[in-house]
Amino acid sequence: MVPLQGNHYFFYIHIYMETNTPSTTGLFELSIDSTAHGYLLDAARWAKFLAFVGFIFCVCFMTIALFVGTLSETFTTLGSQSFSLLFKTLITFAYAGLALLNFFPCLYLYKFASKMQVALRDNNQEQLNRSFKNMRSFYRFVGMLMIICLCFFALSLLGIILQARFMHAGTGTGI
């Protein structure tokens, strides 16, 4: 379409945009007032603190994973039993797995906090959206992890019930 003279082109665009864009009602009319701004800023500070503590735990778990052989030798000199190579390997992978499982939620939490602080400081909608995206990723990761833990708990409980059901009376031996 050929634009009309001067300001008429703007008027045409404005009318077109008004008639062809979906109406923004409901949730899209929300705004961040000073109370919400304060709550989000406080939440971002606490999220950043929790992320830093989580990263410290990740470093501790990886340190234990890397030095489990040295630590087991120390316990052996103190009078404890020696650990087998298989047991040392299992402990190493267990602690490395814990560090990895802890790292990603901490990363999402840190990204949420830092982007939220930037968004609130600079009044930046794009950073606010990215911040909420990272918060969603954090909750999604923790939620999936919780579902997995609940499944393991249910399987363990089922195993305990089956073990108790099939125990031989008087002997105390199971399946």
C-alpha atoms as a PDB file:
ATOM      1  CA  MET A   1       0.000   0.000   0.000  1.00  0.00           C
ATOM      2  CA  VAL A   2       1.294   3.414  -0.865  1.00  0.00           C
ATOM      3  CA  PRO A   3       1.568   5.692   2.160  1.00  0.00           C
ATOM      4  CA  LEU A   4      -0.469   8.845   2.240  1.00  0.00           C
ATOM      5  CA  GLN A   5       1.148  12.212   2.689  1.00  0.00           C
ATOM      6  CA  GLY A   6       2.842  13.145   5.944  1.00  0.00           C
ATOM      7  CA  ASN A   7       1.222  11.896   9.126  1.00  0.00           C
ATOM      8  CA  HIS A   8      -1.478   9.916   7.337  1.00  0.00           C
ATOM      9  CA  TYR A   9       0.912   6.954   6.970  1.00  0.00           C
ATOM     10  CA  PHE A  10       1.311   6.813  10.730  1.00  0.00           C
ATOM     11  CA  PHE A  11      -2.464   6.987  11.116  1.00  0.00           C
ATOM     12  CA  TYR A  12      -2.878   4.063   8.689  1.00  0.00           C
ATOM     13  CA  ILE A  13      -0.305   1.967  10.560  1.00  0.00           C
ATOM     14  CA  HIS A  14      -1.901   2.823  13.888  1.00  0.00           C
ATOM     15  CA  ILE A  15      -5.401   1.819  12.702  1.00  0.00           C
ATOM     16  CA  TYR A  16      -4.012  -1.391  11.150  1.00  0.00           C
ATOM     17  CA  MET A  17      -2.196  -2.324  14.341  1.00  0.00           C
ATOM     18  CA  GLU A  18      -5.251  -1.635  16.476  1.00  0.00           C
ATOM     19  CA  THR A  19      -7.563  -3.759  14.384  1.00  0.00           C
ATOM     20  CA  ASN A  20      -5.212  -6.680  13.703  1.00  0.00           C
ATOM     21  CA  THR A  21      -3.541  -7.256  17.047  1.00  0.00           C
ATOM     22  CA  PRO A  22      -5.162  -9.469  19.650  1.00  0.00           C
ATOM     23  CA  SER A  23      -6.658  -7.636  22.561  1.00  0.00           C
ATOM     24  CA  THR A  24      -4.462  -7.490  25.618  1.00  0.00           C
ATOM     25  CA  THR A  25      -6.632  -8.307  28.563  1.00  0.00           C
ATOM     26  CA  GLY A  26      -6.066 -10.225  31.738  1.00  0.00           C
ATOM     27  CA  LEU A  27      -2.510 -11.141  32.646  1.00  0.00           C
ATOM     28  CA  PHE A  28      -0.899  -8.969  29.998  1.00  0.00           C
ATOM     29  CA  GLU A  29      -2.015  -5.822  31.762  1.00  0.00           C
ATOM     30  CA  LEU A  30       0.073  -6.551  34.853  1.00  0.00           C
ATOM     31  CA  SER A  31       2.681  -4.043  35.893  1.00  0.00           C
ATOM     32  CA  ILE A  32       5.423  -3.938  38.484  1.00  0.00           C
ATOM     33  CA  ASP A  33       4.631  -1.342  41.106  1.00  0.00           C
ATOM     34  CA  SER A  34       6.976  -0.248  43.879  1.00  0.00           C
ATOM     35  CA  THR A  35       5.845  -3.039  46.238  1.00  0.00           C
ATOM     36  CA  ALA A  36       6.383  -5.764  43.636  1.00  0.00           C
ATOM     37  CA  HIS A  37       9.694  -4.120  42.681  1.00  0.00           C
ATOM     38  CA  GLY A  38      10.864  -4.388  46.286  1.00  0.00           C
ATOM     39  CA  TYR A  39       9.746  -8.011  46.612  1.00  0.00           C
ATOM     40  CA  LEU A  40      11.430  -9.010  43.345  1.00  0.00           C
ATOM     41  CA  LEU A  41      14.637  -7.231  44.307  1.00  0.00           C
ATOM     42  CA  ASP A  42      14.664  -8.963  47.692  1.00  0.00           C
ATOM     43  CA  ALA A  43      13.926 -12.339  46.050  1.00  0.00           C
ATOM     44  CA  ALA A  44      16.798 -11.762  43.617  1.00  0.00           C
ATOM     45  CA  ARG A  45      19.210 -11.030  46.454  1.00  0.00           C
ATOM     46  CA  TRP A  46      18.217 -14.193  48.324  1.00  0.00           C
ATOM     47  CA  ALA A  47      18.352 -16.229  45.117  1.00  0.00           C
ATOM     48  CA  LYS A  48      21.875 -14.994  44.450  1.00  0.00           C
ATOM     49  CA  PHE A  49      22.909 -15.893  48.015  1.00  0.00           C
ATOM     50  CA  LEU A  50      21.420 -19.397  47.681  1.00  0.00           C
ATOM     51  CA  ALA A  51      23.117 -19.834  44.309  1.00  0.00           C
ATOM     52  CA  PHE A  52      26.521 -18.913  45.776  1.00  0.00           C
ATOM     53  CA  VAL A  53      26.053 -21.335  48.665  1.00  0.00           C
ATOM     54  CA  GLY A  54      25.009 -24.004  46.167  1.00  0.00           C
ATOM     55  CA  PHE A  55      28.124 -23.384  44.075  1.00  0.00           C
ATOM     56  CA  ILE A  56      30.244 -23.752  47.209  1.00  0.00           C
ATOM     57  CA  PHE A  57      28.579 -27.120  47.865  1.00  0.00           C
ATOM     58  CA  CYS A  58      29.344 -28.115  44.268  1.00  0.00           C
ATOM     59  CA  VAL A  59      33.012 -27.339  44.831  1.00  0.00           C
ATOM     60  CA  CYS A  60      32.981 -29.318  48.093  1.00  0.00           C
ATOM     61  CA  PHE A  61      31.345 -32.328  46.413  1.00  0.00           C
ATOM     62  CA  MET A  62      33.869 -32.244  43.557  1.00  0.00           C
ATOM     63  CA  THR A  63      36.753 -31.923  46.015  1.00  0.00           C
ATOM     64  CA  ILE A  64      35.549 -35.002  47.869  1.00  0.00           C
ATOM     65  CA  ALA A  65      35.069 -36.827  44.556  1.00  0.00           C
ATOM     66  CA  LEU A  66      38.594 -36.032  43.411  1.00  0.00           C
ATOM     67  CA  PHE A  67      40.331 -36.797  46.689  1.00  0.00           C
ATOM     68  CA  VAL A  68      38.371 -39.848  47.842  1.00  0.00           C
ATOM     69  CA  GLY A  69      41.413 -42.067  47.321  1.00  0.00           C
ATOM     70  CA  THR A  70      43.613 -39.872  49.512  1.00  0.00           C
ATOM     71  CA  LEU A  71      40.893 -39.590  52.144  1.00  0.00           C
ATOM     72  CA  SER A  72      40.408 -43.363  52.230  1.00  0.00           C
ATOM     73  CA  GLU A  73      44.141 -43.851  52.820  1.00  0.00           C
ATOM     74  CA  THR A  74      43.945 -41.382  55.712  1.00  0.00           C
ATOM     75  CA  PHE A  75      41.101 -43.348  57.280  1.00  0.00           C
ATOM     76  CA  THR A  76      43.075 -46.576  56.818  1.00  0.00           C
ATOM     77  CA  THR A  77      46.030 -45.157  58.781  1.00  0.00           C
ATOM     78  CA  LEU A  78      43.614 -44.162  61.564  1.00  0.00           C
ATOM     79  CA  GLY A  79      42.589 -47.802  61.996  1.00  0.00           C
ATOM     80  CA  SER A  80      39.638 -48.075  59.635  1.00  0.00           C
ATOM     81  CA  GLN A  81      39.253 -50.728  56.973  1.00  0.00           C
ATOM     82  CA  SER A  82      40.736 -50.104  53.557  1.00  0.00           C
ATOM     83  CA  PHE A  83      38.332 -49.234  50.757  1.00  0.00           C
ATOM     84  CA  SER A  84      38.376 -51.318  47.582  1.00  0.00           C
ATOM     85  CA  LEU A  85      38.990 -49.703  44.216  1.00  0.00           C
ATOM     86  CA  LEU A  86      35.377 -50.346  43.199  1.00  0.00           C
ATOM     87  CA  PHE A  87      34.071 -48.640  46.336  1.00  0.00           C
ATOM     88  CA  LYS A  88      36.382 -45.643  45.786  1.00  0.00           C
ATOM     89  CA  THR A  89      35.145 -45.382  42.194  1.00  0.00           C
ATOM     90  CA  LEU A  90      31.507 -45.543  43.296  1.00  0.00           C
ATOM     91  CA  ILE A  91      32.074 -42.822  45.889  1.00  0.00           C
ATOM     92  CA  THR A  92      33.844 -40.674  43.291  1.00  0.00           C
ATOM     93  CA  PHE A  93      30.978 -40.980  40.808  1.00  0.00           C
ATOM     94  CA  ALA A  94      28.356 -40.452  43.527  1.00  0.00           C
ATOM     95  CA  TYR A  95      29.899 -37.185  44.704  1.00  0.00           C
ATOM     96  CA  ALA A  96      30.576 -36.011  41.152  1.00  0.00           C
ATOM     97  CA  GLY A  97      26.924 -36.757  40.341  1.00  0.00           C
ATOM     98  CA  LEU A  98      25.779 -34.791  43.375  1.00  0.00           C
ATOM     99  CA  ALA A  99      27.933 -31.867  42.278  1.00  0.00           C
ATOM    100  CA  LEU A 100      26.460 -32.008  38.777  1.00  0.00           C
ATOM    101  CA  LEU A 101      22.878 -32.309  40.036  1.00  0.00           C
ATOM    102  CA  ASN A 102      23.456 -29.343  42.325  1.00  0.00           C
ATOM    103  CA  PHE A 103      25.214 -27.221  39.701  1.00  0.00           C
ATOM    104  CA  PHE A 104      22.369 -26.735  37.217  1.00  0.00           C
ATOM    105  CA  PRO A 105      19.707 -25.498  39.653  1.00  0.00           C
ATOM    106  CA  CYS A 106      22.281 -23.136  41.149  1.00  0.00           C
ATOM    107  CA  LEU A 107      23.155 -21.857  37.689  1.00  0.00           C
ATOM    108  CA  TYR A 108      19.487 -21.208  36.846  1.00  0.00           C
ATOM    109  CA  LEU A 109      18.978 -19.532  40.209  1.00  0.00           C
ATOM    110  CA  TYR A 110      22.035 -17.324  39.724  1.00  0.00           C
ATOM    111  CA  LYS A 111      20.930 -16.326  36.208  1.00  0.00           C
ATOM    112  CA  PHE A 112      17.453 -15.524  37.521  1.00  0.00           C
ATOM    113  CA  ALA A 113      18.883 -13.327  40.272  1.00  0.00           C
ATOM    114  CA  SER A 114      21.415 -11.454  38.180  1.00  0.00           C
ATOM    115  CA  LYS A 115      19.032 -10.807  35.284  1.00  0.00           C
ATOM    116  CA  MET A 116      16.268  -9.731  37.676  1.00  0.00           C
ATOM    117  CA  GLN A 117      18.587  -7.224  39.343  1.00  0.00           C
ATOM    118  CA  VAL A 118      19.593  -5.812  35.945  1.00  0.00           C
ATOM    119  CA  ALA A 119      15.971  -5.692  34.785  1.00  0.00           C
ATOM    120  CA  LEU A 120      14.820  -3.828  37.876  1.00  0.00           C
ATOM    121  CA  ARG A 121      17.799  -1.462  37.861  1.00  0.00           C
ATOM    122  CA  ASP A 122      17.576  -0.594  34.150  1.00  0.00           C
ATOM    123  CA  ASN A 123      13.810  -1.025  33.716  1.00  0.00           C
ATOM    124  CA  ASN A 124      14.581  -3.589  30.992  1.00  0.00           C
ATOM    125  CA  GLN A 125      11.669  -5.811  29.885  1.00  0.00           C
ATOM    126  CA  GLU A 126      13.903  -8.207  27.922  1.00  0.00           C
ATOM    127  CA  GLN A 127      16.071  -8.903  30.984  1.00  0.00           C
ATOM    128  CA  LEU A 128      12.929  -9.376  33.077  1.00  0.00           C
ATOM    129  CA  ASN A 129      11.639 -11.970  30.610  1.00  0.00           C
ATOM    130  CA  ARG A 130      14.995 -13.779  30.595  1.00  0.00           C
ATOM    131  CA  SER A 131      15.012 -13.714  34.360  1.00  0.00           C
ATOM    132  CA  PHE A 132      11.594 -15.338  34.548  1.00  0.00           C
ATOM    133  CA  LYS A 133      12.674 -17.884  31.930  1.00  0.00           C
ATOM    134  CA  ASN A 134      15.584 -18.910  34.176  1.00  0.00           C
ATOM    135  CA  MET A 135      13.270 -19.078  37.182  1.00  0.00           C
ATOM    136  CA  ARG A 136      10.984 -21.382  35.174  1.00  0.00           C
ATOM    137  CA  SER A 137      13.995 -23.543  34.249  1.00  0.00           C
ATOM    138  CA  PHE A 138      15.003 -23.728  37.913  1.00  0.00           C
ATOM    139  CA  TYR A 139      11.562 -24.874  39.024  1.00  0.00           C
ATOM    140  CA  ARG A 140      11.252 -27.277  36.105  1.00  0.00           C
ATOM    141  CA  PHE A 141      14.616 -28.910  36.939  1.00  0.00           C
ATOM    142  CA  VAL A 142      13.859 -29.170  40.650  1.00  0.00           C
ATOM    143  CA  GLY A 143      10.356 -30.466  39.887  1.00  0.00           C
ATOM    144  CA  MET A 144      11.677 -33.222  37.606  1.00  0.00           C
ATOM    145  CA  LEU A 145      14.281 -34.127  40.182  1.00  0.00           C
ATOM    146  CA  MET A 146      11.553 -34.329  42.815  1.00  0.00           C
ATOM    147  CA  ILE A 147       9.472 -36.638  40.591  1.00  0.00           C
ATOM    148  CA  ILE A 148      12.492 -38.917  40.134  1.00  0.00           C
ATOM    149  CA  CYS A 149      13.155 -38.959  43.898  1.00  0.00           C
ATOM    150  CA  LEU A 150       9.500 -39.753  44.631  1.00  0.00           C
ATOM    151  CA  CYS A 151       9.629 -42.638  42.136  1.00  0.00           C
ATOM    152  CA  PHE A 152      12.747 -44.035  43.833  1.00  0.00           C
ATOM    153  CA  PHE A 153      11.023 -43.626  47.192  1.00  0.00           C
ATOM    154  CA  ALA A 154       7.934 -45.478  45.943  1.00  0.00           C
ATOM    155  CA  LEU A 155      10.076 -48.292  44.491  1.00  0.00           C
ATOM    156  CA  SER A 156      12.017 -48.565  47.744  1.00  0.00           C
ATOM    157  CA  LEU A 157       8.815 -48.696  49.747  1.00  0.00           C
ATOM    158  CA  LEU A 158       7.452 -51.382  47.413  1.00  0.00           C
ATOM    159  CA  GLY A 159      10.679 -53.368  47.842  1.00  0.00           C
ATOM    160  CA  ILE A 160      10.445 -53.127  51.619  1.00  0.00           C
ATOM    161  CA  ILE A 161       6.812 -54.257  51.564  1.00  0.00           C
ATOM    162  CA  LEU A 162       7.625 -57.183  49.253  1.00  0.00           C
ATOM    163  CA  GLN A 163      10.599 -58.147  51.405  1.00  0.00           C
ATOM    164  CA  ALA A 164       8.422 -58.136  54.528  1.00  0.00           C
ATOM    165  CA  ARG A 165       5.674 -60.073  52.748  1.00  0.00           C
ATOM    166  CA  PHE A 166       7.957 -62.872  51.628  1.00  0.00           C
ATOM    167  CA  MET A 167       9.984 -63.210  54.838  1.00  0.00           C
ATOM    168  CA  HIS A 168       9.960 -66.717  56.214  1.00  0.00           C
ATOM    169  CA  ALA A 169       8.269 -66.904  59.554  1.00  0.00           C
ATOM    170  CA  GLY A 170      10.676 -67.511  62.396  1.00  0.00           C
ATOM    171  CA  THR A 171      13.892 -67.461  60.330  1.00  0.00           C
ATOM    172  CA  GLY A 172      14.064 -63.758  59.513  1.00  0.00           C
ATOM    173  CA  THR A 173      15.335 -64.498  56.030  1.00  0.00           C
ATOM    174  CA  GLY A 174      13.722 -62.960  53.011  1.00  0.00           C
ATOM    175  CA  ILE A 175      13.346 -63.940  49.412  1.00  0.00           C
END
